[in-house]
Protein backbone atom coordinates (compact mmCIF):
# COMPACT_ATOMS: atom_id res chain seq x y z
CA MET A 1 -0.15 0.07 -0.11
CA ALA A 2 1.37 3.56 -0.93
CA MET A 3 1.51 5.91 2.22
CA PRO A 4 0.00 9.04 1.02
CA ARG A 5 1.67 12.17 1.14
CA GLN A 6 -0.12 14.55 3.73
CA PHE A 7 -0.59 12.81 7.23
CA THR A 8 -1.69 13.43 10.74
CA LYS A 9 -0.95 11.26 13.54
CA ARG A 10 -4.54 9.88 13.73
CA ARG A 11 -4.66 9.24 9.50
CA LEU A 12 -1.19 7.55 10.00
CA ARG A 13 -2.49 5.37 12.86
CA ARG A 14 -5.28 4.46 10.99
CA TRP A 15 -3.17 3.83 7.88
CA LYS A 16 -0.59 1.60 9.78
CA LYS A 17 -3.66 -0.44 11.21
CA LYS A 18 -5.20 -1.33 7.80
CA CYS A 19 -1.54 -2.37 6.52
CA ARG A 20 -1.34 -4.58 9.44
CA ILE A 21 -5.04 -6.13 8.80
CA LYS A 22 -3.86 -6.35 4.76
CA GLU A 23 -0.95 -7.81 5.96
CA SER A 24 -2.50 -10.26 8.24
CA GLY A 25 -5.17 -11.13 5.81
CA ASP A 26 -2.45 -11.76 2.94
CA LEU A 27 -0.35 -13.79 5.15
CA GLU A 28 -3.77 -16.27 5.79
CA ALA A 29 -4.47 -16.47 2.11
CA GLN A 30 -0.64 -17.27 1.79
CA ASN A 31 -0.47 -19.96 4.34
CA VAL A 32 -3.45 -21.47 2.51
CA PHE A 33 -2.40 -21.59 -0.59
CA LYS A 34 0.81 -23.08 0.50
CA GLU A 35 -1.31 -25.85 2.32
CA ASN A 36 -2.65 -26.39 -1.29
CA GLU A 37 0.14 -26.37 -2.98
CA THR A 38 1.51 -29.32 -0.78
CA GLU A 39 -1.74 -31.11 -1.27
CA ALA A 40 -1.61 -30.65 -4.86
CA ASN A 41 1.64 -31.81 -5.46
CA TRP A 42 0.64 -35.07 -3.36
CA TYR A 43 -2.29 -35.55 -5.45
CA ALA A 44 -0.48 -35.14 -8.96
CA ALA A 45 2.05 -37.28 -7.56
CA LYS A 46 -0.44 -39.91 -7.02
CA CYS A 47 -2.09 -39.39 -10.63
CA LEU A 48 1.40 -39.60 -12.28
CA VAL A 49 1.84 -43.30 -10.46
CA ILE A 50 -1.81 -44.41 -11.71
CA CYS A 51 -0.65 -43.31 -15.22
CA SER A 52 2.46 -45.17 -14.78
CA PHE A 53 0.84 -48.20 -14.23
CA VAL A 54 -1.57 -47.92 -17.15
CA CYS A 55 1.31 -47.17 -19.45
CA ALA A 56 3.20 -50.96 -17.76
CA ALA A 57 -0.12 -52.44 -18.72
CA ALA A 58 -0.14 -51.26 -22.42
CA TRP A 59 3.65 -52.09 -22.31
CA PHE A 60 2.78 -55.58 -21.06
CA LEU A 61 -0.09 -56.12 -23.51
CA THR A 62 2.12 -55.22 -26.31
CA LEU A 63 4.93 -57.66 -25.41
CA LEU A 64 2.20 -60.00 -25.72
CA ARG A 65 1.04 -59.28 -28.96
CA ILE A 66 -2.36 -58.26 -27.78
CA PHE A 67 -1.58 -54.54 -28.72
CA THR A 68 -0.27 -53.79 -32.16
CA MET A 69 2.01 -51.39 -31.42
CA PRO A 70 5.52 -51.53 -32.52
CA VAL A 71 7.55 -53.23 -29.81
CA GLU A 72 11.02 -51.62 -30.40
CA ILE A 73 9.35 -48.13 -29.55
CA MET A 74 7.46 -49.17 -26.49
CA ASN A 75 10.49 -51.19 -25.10
CA THR A 76 12.72 -47.64 -25.86
CA ALA A 77 9.95 -45.46 -24.81
CA MET A 78 7.88 -46.99 -22.19
CA PRO A 79 10.70 -47.43 -19.50
CA VAL A 80 11.39 -43.61 -19.95
CA ILE A 81 7.89 -42.87 -19.71
CA ILE A 82 7.24 -44.52 -16.12
CA LEU A 83 10.60 -43.33 -14.50
CA CYS A 84 9.18 -39.42 -15.40
CA PHE A 85 5.75 -40.25 -14.06
CA TRP A 86 7.37 -41.82 -10.85
CA THR A 87 9.75 -38.89 -10.17
CA PRO A 88 7.34 -37.00 -8.67
CA SER A 89 6.29 -39.48 -5.96
CA LEU A 90 9.91 -40.14 -5.01
CA LEU A 91 10.45 -35.92 -4.61
CA CYS A 92 7.27 -35.50 -2.55
CA ARG A 93 8.53 -38.24 -0.35
CA ILE A 94 11.85 -36.71 -0.07
CA THR A 95 10.86 -32.97 0.17
CA GLY A 96 7.03 -34.01 2.06
CA GLY A 97 5.42 -32.12 -1.30
CA LYS A 98 6.38 -28.53 0.78
CA GLN A 99 9.46 -27.37 -1.36
CA GLY A 100 8.12 -24.44 -3.88
CA TRP A 101 9.73 -25.94 -6.38
CA VAL A 102 8.22 -28.88 -6.35
CA LYS A 103 5.17 -28.12 -8.21
CA TYR A 104 7.47 -27.24 -11.45
CA ALA A 105 9.30 -30.65 -11.08
CA VAL A 106 5.86 -32.27 -11.08
CA LEU A 107 4.76 -30.63 -14.20
CA PHE A 108 7.91 -30.95 -15.89
CA CYS A 109 7.87 -34.72 -15.42
CA SER A 110 4.17 -35.19 -16.37
CA ILE A 111 4.98 -32.83 -19.70
CA THR A 112 8.22 -34.76 -20.56
CA GLY A 113 6.47 -38.23 -19.96
CA VAL A 114 3.34 -36.98 -22.00
CA PHE A 115 5.75 -35.76 -24.58
CA ILE A 116 7.55 -39.17 -25.06
CA LEU A 117 4.35 -40.85 -25.12
CA SER A 118 2.68 -38.75 -27.59
CA SER A 119 5.85 -38.98 -29.93
CA ALA A 120 5.75 -42.83 -29.66
CA MET A 121 1.95 -42.93 -30.10
CA PRO A 122 0.39 -40.06 -31.79
CA LYS A 123 -2.67 -41.55 -32.84
CA HIS A 124 -3.18 -43.11 -29.56
CA GLY A 125 -1.36 -40.17 -26.92
CA VAL A 126 -3.14 -37.34 -28.32
CA LEU A 127 -5.73 -37.15 -25.27
CA VAL A 128 -2.94 -37.41 -22.62
CA TRP A 129 -1.96 -33.71 -22.91
CA THR A 130 -4.84 -33.16 -20.95
CA LEU A 131 -3.16 -34.32 -17.95
CA PRO A 132 -0.53 -31.71 -17.38
CA LEU A 133 -3.38 -29.06 -17.73
CA MET A 134 -5.96 -30.70 -15.48
CA LEU A 135 -2.65 -31.20 -12.72
CA SER A 136 -1.72 -27.56 -13.08
CA CYS A 137 -5.80 -26.46 -12.11
CA HIS A 138 -5.11 -27.95 -8.90
CA TYR A 139 -2.60 -25.22 -7.84
CA TYR A 140 -4.92 -22.39 -8.35
CA SER A 141 -2.52 -20.21 -10.31
CA LYS A 142 -3.84 -18.51 -14.06
CA GLY A 143 -0.27 -18.13 -14.58
CA LEU A 144 0.95 -21.67 -13.77
CA THR A 145 -1.99 -23.06 -16.22
CA ARG A 146 -0.89 -21.00 -19.17
CA MET A 147 2.83 -21.61 -18.89
CA THR A 148 1.62 -25.30 -18.79
CA LEU A 149 -0.56 -24.82 -21.88
CA ILE A 150 1.69 -23.19 -23.62
CA THR A 151 4.72 -25.71 -22.80
CA SER A 152 2.44 -28.46 -23.86
CA GLN A 153 1.27 -27.08 -27.24
CA ILE A 154 4.68 -26.38 -28.40
CA LEU A 155 5.80 -30.24 -27.14
CA PHE A 156 2.55 -31.36 -28.84
CA SER A 157 3.12 -29.75 -32.18
CA ALA A 158 6.89 -31.17 -31.88
CA SER A 159 5.46 -34.61 -31.00
CA ILE A 160 3.41 -35.16 -33.95
CA TYR A 161 6.41 -34.20 -36.47
CA ILE A 162 8.62 -36.41 -34.03
CA GLY A 163 6.35 -39.49 -34.23
CA MET A 164 5.95 -39.21 -38.16
CA TYR A 165 9.61 -39.99 -38.47
CA PHE A 166 9.92 -42.37 -35.17
CA GLY A 167 6.63 -42.95 -33.64
CA GLU A 168 3.75 -45.52 -34.23
CA TRP A 169 2.43 -44.84 -37.78
CA ASP A 170 -0.69 -42.54 -38.09
CA GLN A 171 -2.33 -44.81 -40.95
CA ILE A 172 -5.65 -42.80 -40.66
CA LEU A 173 -4.57 -39.39 -40.41
CA LEU A 174 -1.79 -39.51 -42.79
CA ASP A 175 -3.68 -41.26 -45.42
CA ALA A 176 -1.47 -44.58 -45.32
CA ALA A 177 -3.80 -47.22 -44.66
CA TYR A 178 -2.38 -50.79 -43.92
CA TYR A 179 0.59 -49.78 -45.92
CA SER A 180 3.52 -51.98 -45.22
CA GLY A 181 6.18 -50.41 -47.36
CA PRO A 182 9.11 -47.73 -46.00
CA ARG A 183 7.70 -44.84 -44.24
CA VAL A 184 7.56 -41.83 -46.70
CA VAL A 185 7.05 -38.13 -45.19
CA THR A 186 5.84 -35.94 -48.03
CA ARG A 187 4.99 -32.30 -48.01
CA GLN A 188 1.51 -33.33 -48.75
CA ASN A 189 1.49 -35.79 -45.23
CA LEU A 190 3.36 -32.79 -43.34
CA TYR A 191 0.40 -30.40 -44.56
CA ASP A 192 -2.27 -33.17 -44.00
CA ALA A 193 -1.00 -33.45 -40.21
CA THR A 194 -0.71 -30.02 -39.55
CA VAL A 195 -4.29 -28.91 -40.82
CA PHE A 196 -6.21 -32.02 -40.05
CA PHE A 197 -4.12 -33.05 -36.72
CA VAL A 198 -2.30 -30.45 -35.36
CA LEU A 199 -4.52 -27.55 -35.41
CA THR A 200 -7.50 -29.25 -34.52
CA ARG A 201 -6.13 -30.76 -31.54
CA ALA A 202 -4.42 -27.80 -30.58
CA ALA A 203 -7.75 -25.68 -30.72
CA ALA A 204 -9.08 -28.45 -28.51
CA LEU A 205 -6.13 -27.96 -26.10
CA TRP A 206 -6.79 -24.14 -26.18
CA GLY A 207 -10.34 -24.50 -25.64
CA LEU A 208 -9.60 -26.79 -22.37
CA SER A 209 -7.15 -24.32 -21.10
CA SER A 210 -9.41 -21.61 -21.33
CA ILE A 211 -11.87 -23.57 -19.01
CA CYS A 212 -8.81 -24.73 -16.51
CA THR A 213 -7.41 -20.80 -16.08
CA THR A 214 -11.51 -19.50 -15.39
CA MET A 215 -11.51 -22.48 -12.91
CA ALA A 216 -8.13 -21.74 -11.51
CA GLY A 217 -8.91 -17.91 -11.07
CA ARG A 218 -12.16 -18.49 -9.71
CA THR A 219 -10.83 -20.88 -7.29
CA ARG A 220 -8.22 -19.02 -6.05
CA ARG A 221 -10.46 -15.86 -5.40
CA LEU A 222 -12.89 -18.24 -3.48
CA LEU A 223 -9.75 -19.37 -1.36
CA GLU A 224 -8.48 -15.73 -0.77
CA ARG A 225 -12.30 -14.73 0.39
CA GLN A 226 -12.29 -17.98 2.51
CA ALA A 227 -9.11 -17.08 4.01
CA LYS A 228 -10.40 -13.54 4.75
CA ASP A 229 -13.43 -14.66 6.08
CA SER A 230 -11.60 -17.22 8.12
CA GLU A 231 -9.24 -14.48 9.72
CA LYS A 232 -11.99 -12.30 10.64
CA ARG A 233 -13.75 -15.42 12.42
CA GLN A 234 -10.97 -15.59 14.09
CA ARG A 235 -10.59 -12.50 15.33
CA ILE A 236 -13.97 -12.33 16.37
CA GLU A 237 -13.77 -15.79 18.34
CA THR A 238 -11.03 -13.87 20.06
CA GLU A 239 -12.79 -11.12 21.02
CA LEU A 240 -15.70 -13.07 21.78
CA ASP A 241 -13.62 -15.08 24.04
CA VAL A 242 -12.07 -12.10 25.70
CA ALA A 243 -15.88 -10.91 26.42
CA HIS A 244 -16.48 -14.11 28.10
CA ARG A 245 -13.81 -13.73 30.32
CA ILE A 246 -14.88 -10.12 31.21
CA GLN A 247 -18.16 -11.28 31.57
CA ALA A 248 -17.51 -14.27 33.62
CA ASP A 249 -15.19 -11.93 35.91
CA MET A 250 -18.03 -9.48 36.58
CA LEU A 251 -20.34 -12.45 38.20
CA PRO A 252 -19.19 -13.37 41.70
CA CYS A 253 -17.48 -16.50 41.33
CA ILE A 254 -15.26 -17.10 44.51
CA PHE A 255 -17.08 -19.59 46.93
CA PRO A 256 -17.65 -19.63 49.59
CA ALA A 257 -18.91 -15.88 49.08
CA PHE A 258 -18.65 -14.39 52.45
CA PRO A 259 -16.68 -16.95 54.78
CA GLU A 260 -16.69 -14.57 57.67
CA ARG A 261 -20.22 -14.85 57.87
CA PRO A 262 -21.54 -17.99 59.15
CA GLU A 263 -25.39 -17.30 59.28
CA PHE A 264 -25.82 -18.20 55.58
CA ASP A 265 -24.42 -20.12 52.46
CA ILE A 266 -24.92 -19.40 49.10
CA TYR A 267 -23.97 -20.64 45.62
CA ALA A 268 -24.37 -19.63 42.22
CA ALA A 269 -23.72 -20.63 38.56
CA MET A 270 -24.28 -19.44 34.88
CA ALA A 271 -23.79 -21.33 31.83
CA PRO A 272 -24.18 -19.42 28.65
CA ALA A 273 -25.66 -20.64 25.49
CA ARG A 274 -22.93 -18.85 23.47
CA GLU A 275 -19.87 -17.08 24.60
CA VAL A 276 -21.34 -14.22 25.86
CA GLY A 277 -24.91 -14.59 27.13
CA GLY A 278 -27.76 -12.61 28.56
CA ASP A 279 -28.24 -14.04 32.13
CA PHE A 280 -26.78 -12.70 35.18
CA TYR A 281 -26.70 -13.30 38.94
CA ASP A 282 -25.17 -10.91 41.67
CA PHE A 283 -25.18 -11.07 45.32
CA PHE A 284 -23.84 -8.77 47.87
CA MET A 285 -23.79 -6.87 51.37
CA VAL A 286 -26.37 -4.15 51.31
CA ASP A 287 -25.04 -3.23 55.08
CA GLU A 288 -23.91 -5.22 57.66
CA ARG A 289 -27.38 -6.99 58.17
CA HIS A 290 -28.56 -7.07 54.69
CA LEU A 291 -27.93 -9.57 52.25
CA ALA A 292 -28.88 -8.99 48.51
CA ILE A 293 -29.45 -11.38 45.59
CA VAL A 294 -30.27 -11.02 42.12
CA ILE A 295 -30.84 -13.37 39.21
CA ALA A 296 -31.75 -11.82 35.89
CA ASP A 297 -32.26 -12.86 32.10
CA VAL A 298 -31.76 -10.33 29.24
CA SER A 299 -34.07 -10.62 26.31
CA GLY A 300 -31.91 -11.91 23.04
CA LYS A 301 -28.65 -13.72 22.68
CA GLY A 302 -25.00 -12.62 21.85
CA VAL A 303 -23.26 -9.48 22.47
CA PRO A 304 -26.40 -7.28 22.91
CA ALA A 305 -27.92 -9.08 25.57
CA ALA A 306 -24.71 -9.27 27.23
CA LEU A 307 -24.11 -5.22 27.03
CA PHE A 308 -27.33 -4.76 27.94
CA MET A 309 -27.07 -7.26 31.17
CA VAL A 310 -23.73 -5.37 32.13
CA ILE A 311 -25.77 -2.12 32.18
CA GLY A 312 -28.71 -3.81 34.06
CA LYS A 313 -26.53 -5.50 36.74
CA THR A 314 -24.61 -2.37 37.40
CA LEU A 315 -27.83 -0.12 37.87
CA ILE A 316 -29.72 -2.89 40.28
CA LYS A 317 -26.42 -3.09 42.72
CA ASP A 318 -25.89 1.21 42.42
CA HIS A 319 -29.47 1.51 43.34
CA THR A 320 -30.06 -0.94 46.05
CA LYS A 321 -29.24 1.10 49.01
CA PRO A 322 -30.33 0.92 52.83
CA GLY A 323 -33.66 2.41 53.09
CA ILE A 324 -35.11 2.10 49.80
CA SER A 325 -37.34 -0.22 49.10
CA LEU A 326 -37.06 -2.83 46.20
CA GLY A 327 -39.86 -1.43 44.54
CA ASP A 328 -38.33 1.99 44.23
CA VAL A 329 -35.25 0.29 42.89
CA PHE A 330 -36.99 -1.53 40.01
CA SER A 331 -38.95 1.80 39.11
CA GLN A 332 -35.34 3.61 39.16
CA VAL A 333 -33.59 1.46 37.20
CA ASN A 334 -36.65 0.52 34.58
CA ASP A 335 -36.69 4.34 33.97
CA ILE A 336 -33.19 4.68 33.13
CA LEU A 337 -32.82 1.48 31.05
CA CYS A 338 -36.12 2.71 28.68
CA ASP A 339 -33.97 5.90 28.10
CA SER A 340 -30.90 3.97 26.55
CA ASN A 341 -33.10 1.19 25.15
CA HIS A 342 -32.56 1.62 21.29
CA GLU A 343 -32.48 -2.14 20.35
CA GLY A 344 -35.70 -2.75 22.10
CA LEU A 345 -34.53 -5.23 25.00
CA PHE A 346 -35.86 -6.07 28.25
CA ILE A 347 -34.93 -7.77 31.38
CA THR A 348 -37.02 -10.16 33.67
CA ALA A 349 -35.49 -9.92 37.10
CA PHE A 350 -35.81 -10.96 40.25
CA GLU A 351 -34.14 -9.05 43.34
CA GLY A 352 -34.27 -10.08 47.37
CA VAL A 353 -32.85 -8.82 50.51
CA LEU A 354 -32.49 -11.00 53.39
CA ASP A 355 -32.54 -9.50 56.87
CA LEU A 356 -29.86 -11.56 58.51
CA VAL A 357 -31.02 -10.64 61.77
CA SER A 358 -34.96 -11.08 61.85
CA GLY A 359 -34.88 -13.50 58.94
CA GLU A 360 -37.46 -11.28 56.95
CA PHE A 361 -36.92 -11.67 53.35
CA CYS A 362 -38.25 -8.56 50.88
CA PHE A 363 -38.36 -9.36 47.17
CA VAL A 364 -39.55 -8.01 43.96
CA ASN A 365 -40.28 -9.73 40.76
CA ALA A 366 -39.98 -8.17 37.25
CA GLY A 367 -41.67 -10.56 35.18
CA HIS A 368 -39.32 -13.30 36.14
CA GLU A 369 -39.86 -16.85 37.51
CA ILE A 370 -41.21 -18.08 40.63
CA PRO A 371 -38.52 -18.95 43.28
CA PHE A 372 -38.59 -22.48 45.49
CA ILE A 373 -38.82 -22.24 49.16
CA SER A 374 -37.69 -25.08 51.27
CA LYS A 375 -38.48 -24.54 55.00
CA ALA A 376 -35.96 -26.50 57.28
CA GLY A 377 -36.90 -30.04 57.26
CA GLU A 378 -39.30 -29.81 54.11
CA HIS A 379 -39.14 -29.98 50.39
CA PHE A 380 -38.88 -27.38 48.10
CA LYS A 381 -41.95 -26.13 47.16
CA PRO A 382 -42.85 -23.22 44.31
CA TYR A 383 -43.77 -19.86 46.08
CA LYS A 384 -46.41 -18.53 44.31
CA ILE A 385 -45.77 -14.64 43.37
CA ARG A 386 -47.38 -12.49 41.15
CA PRO A 387 -44.63 -10.71 38.85
CA GLY A 388 -44.41 -7.73 37.87
CA PHE A 389 -43.84 -5.91 34.24
CA VAL A 390 -40.37 -6.44 32.93
CA LEU A 391 -37.44 -4.12 33.29
CA ALA A 392 -37.03 -1.56 30.20
CA GLY A 393 -40.22 -2.40 28.82
CA MET A 394 -42.41 0.77 29.79
CA GLU A 395 -41.21 3.76 31.53
CA ASN A 396 -42.90 4.83 34.43
CA MET A 397 -43.95 1.32 35.95
CA LYS A 398 -44.55 0.90 39.57
CA TYR A 399 -43.39 -2.50 41.06
CA GLN A 400 -44.68 -4.22 44.19
CA CYS A 401 -42.63 -5.30 47.12
CA GLY A 402 -43.55 -8.96 48.81
CA SER A 403 -42.00 -10.58 51.61
CA PHE A 404 -41.93 -13.50 53.82
CA GLN A 405 -39.86 -14.94 56.95
CA LEU A 406 -36.96 -17.38 56.60
CA ALA A 407 -35.53 -19.33 59.65
CA PRO A 408 -32.29 -21.16 60.25
CA GLY A 409 -32.26 -24.14 57.67
CA ASP A 410 -34.22 -22.54 54.89
CA LYS A 411 -33.38 -22.22 51.05
CA ILE A 412 -34.38 -20.15 48.24
CA PHE A 413 -33.68 -21.42 45.30
CA GLN A 414 -33.88 -19.01 42.08
CA TYR A 415 -33.24 -20.13 38.18
CA THR A 416 -34.00 -18.46 34.74
CA ASP A 417 -36.10 -19.82 32.20
CA GLY A 418 -33.13 -21.74 30.17
CA VAL A 419 -33.65 -24.35 33.30
CA THR A 420 -37.37 -25.28 32.66
CA GLU A 421 -37.16 -24.51 29.20
CA ALA A 422 -33.83 -27.00 28.47
CA ALA A 423 -34.77 -29.14 25.41
CA ASN A 424 -33.85 -32.60 24.45
CA GLY A 425 -33.67 -34.42 20.80
CA GLU A 426 -37.50 -34.74 20.91
CA GLU A 427 -38.11 -31.09 21.72
CA GLU A 428 -39.41 -31.90 25.21
CA LEU A 429 -38.99 -29.35 27.82
CA TYR A 430 -37.25 -30.02 30.72
CA GLY A 431 -40.09 -28.09 32.64
CA MET A 432 -41.18 -27.20 36.31
CA ALA A 433 -42.52 -30.65 37.25
CA ARG A 434 -38.80 -32.08 36.51
CA LEU A 435 -37.11 -29.32 38.18
CA GLY A 436 -39.29 -29.51 41.07
CA ASP A 437 -38.77 -33.48 41.46
CA VAL A 438 -34.84 -33.04 41.32
CA LEU A 439 -35.00 -30.30 44.21
CA LYS A 440 -37.04 -32.76 46.54
CA ARG A 441 -34.73 -35.42 45.82
CA ASN A 442 -31.78 -33.30 46.85
CA THR A 443 -33.61 -30.94 49.47
CA ALA A 444 -30.86 -31.90 52.19
CA LYS A 445 -27.81 -30.64 50.01
CA SER A 446 -25.78 -27.76 50.60
CA PRO A 447 -26.40 -24.87 47.87
CA GLU A 448 -23.43 -26.22 45.93
CA GLU A 449 -24.36 -30.18 46.12
CA LEU A 450 -27.97 -28.71 45.08
CA LEU A 451 -27.02 -26.77 41.94
CA SER A 452 -24.83 -29.68 40.90
CA ALA A 453 -27.58 -31.80 41.06
CA VAL A 454 -29.87 -29.89 39.42
CA ARG A 455 -27.50 -29.34 36.02
CA GLU A 456 -26.62 -32.80 36.08
CA ASP A 457 -30.34 -33.70 35.80
CA ILE A 458 -30.62 -31.16 33.05
CA ASP A 459 -27.81 -32.74 31.06
CA ALA A 460 -28.99 -36.10 31.56
CA PHE A 461 -32.26 -34.88 30.42
CA VAL A 462 -31.06 -32.80 27.15
CA GLY A 463 -28.51 -35.31 26.49
CA SER A 464 -26.76 -34.27 23.02
CA ALA A 465 -29.18 -31.70 21.92
CA PRO A 466 -27.80 -28.14 21.53
CA GLN A 467 -28.06 -25.57 24.68
CA PHE A 468 -30.35 -22.62 23.08
CA ASP A 469 -30.51 -20.59 26.42
CA ASP A 470 -28.41 -19.48 29.03
CA ILE A 471 -28.93 -21.41 32.15
CA THR A 472 -28.33 -19.77 35.44
CA MET A 473 -29.27 -20.75 39.02
CA LEU A 474 -28.99 -19.17 42.54
CA CYS A 475 -29.44 -21.05 45.91
CA VAL A 476 -29.16 -19.19 49.15
CA GLU A 477 -29.66 -21.09 52.92
C-alpha cells in the first residue's frame, strides 16, 4: 500500500492499522495456498503413479502381441515414461511436497512423460496432453496453467512431427492405411498432419485451457475470500473469548462468598448458550445485616444481550441501598433502561434482600420465574407470587414488593427460564415438574451440591441436544 503524502497522526495510525490488517489477511491467504500447493503436489504425484501403471499395462500387452504397436518403440519409450511418472512421487516423499520448486518438477515430469508418449503413439497418445493441464488447475494459479498450456502446445506440435519419423505410424490421419512398405513423409503428409491433426487438437487444448484457467482463477478468488473470512472469524472468536472472560469476571465466582459470615451459605452458577450470554446473577451485602440476591435474564442472545446485561446488573447494584424499597429500586432502574434502550431489549429480574437478624426476606419480581422455597426439614415448593412488568419494557412502571419469613435451615432456589426450557432431541422441555422433582430429591444438600445435582439432571435429560438458552441458578441457605 502506498503511503499518502499528507498525514496527521490519527491518519497515520489508521493507515498503519489497515496495513497490519491487510498483511494479516495476506499471510492467512498465503498459508492457505501453501497448504493447497503441498496437497496438489501429492495429488499430482498419485495421479502420475496411476498413469505409470496404465503405461506399464499397455507395454505388457504389447509384448504379448495383444496390442498391435511396434515393440521396439514401446521398449524404448515406456521405461523413460514410467520413470518420469514415478519421479514426482519420489520427490514428494523426500521433501514432503512442501518445497516451492516441487510443483514445477511435477509438471515438468508430467509434460516430459506425455511428450514421449505422444511421440511414440501420435494416434493414441493425443488425449494424454490434457493431463498436465488438469494437474496444473489444482494449484489455482492462472499463470502456471497458461505456462503449462504454452509448453504443452509447443511439445504437442513437435511430438506429431517426431512421431511421423520415429513413432507409431498414423495410418488413418496420414492416409497410409494398411501400408507395409517403407515409411515416406511428403509435403502433403506434413500439410495434412498440420491442418487436420495439429491445428484441430491444438484448438481443443486451447479451449480446455480456457476452462482450466477460468476455474483456477475463480477457485483462487474463493480461497482468498475464505482465508479472509477465516481471519475475520478468528479475530471475532478471540474478541468473544475475551468478552466471555470479562463477563465471567463481573459475576461473583469465588465460593464461599462470605466466609466470615456463618449465618448463611450461598452458591450460584451460569452456563451461557454462546460465548457471551444475557443471564446474570449477583449477591452483595447492602449493609452489615442485609444480604441482597439478584438473578435476571436479558431478552436476546449474544453480544447485545451481554452489553445490556452489564448495564442492568450495574444499575440494580448501584440503586440497592439501605432504606430504599426494592420496588423503588426497580422503578428507577426501569426508567433509566428505557431511556437508552434503542435495541428494544428487556430484562426479567428477581431481587431479594434478606435481613440476617430478623429473617425477613423482601423481594421484587419483574416478570421473572417464581422461586422455590424449602423450609427446614421440608421439601422445596414453588412460592406463588405475582410477577410484575419486565424492566426496560415501559417507562414509569411501579413495582410491588413482597416478603416472607425465613428461619435457620430454610433455602431459596431461583433460576432463569433456560432451566425449565432446556429441550432434548425430541424438543421436549425440561419443565417445572422435573425441576421440582430433582429439588425434592436433593433438599438436604448444600447450595453448591444442590445446583450440581440440578445441572446433572438437566444434562442427562437434554443429552446431546444443543443448548439454546443460558442456564443460571442461585441458591441461598
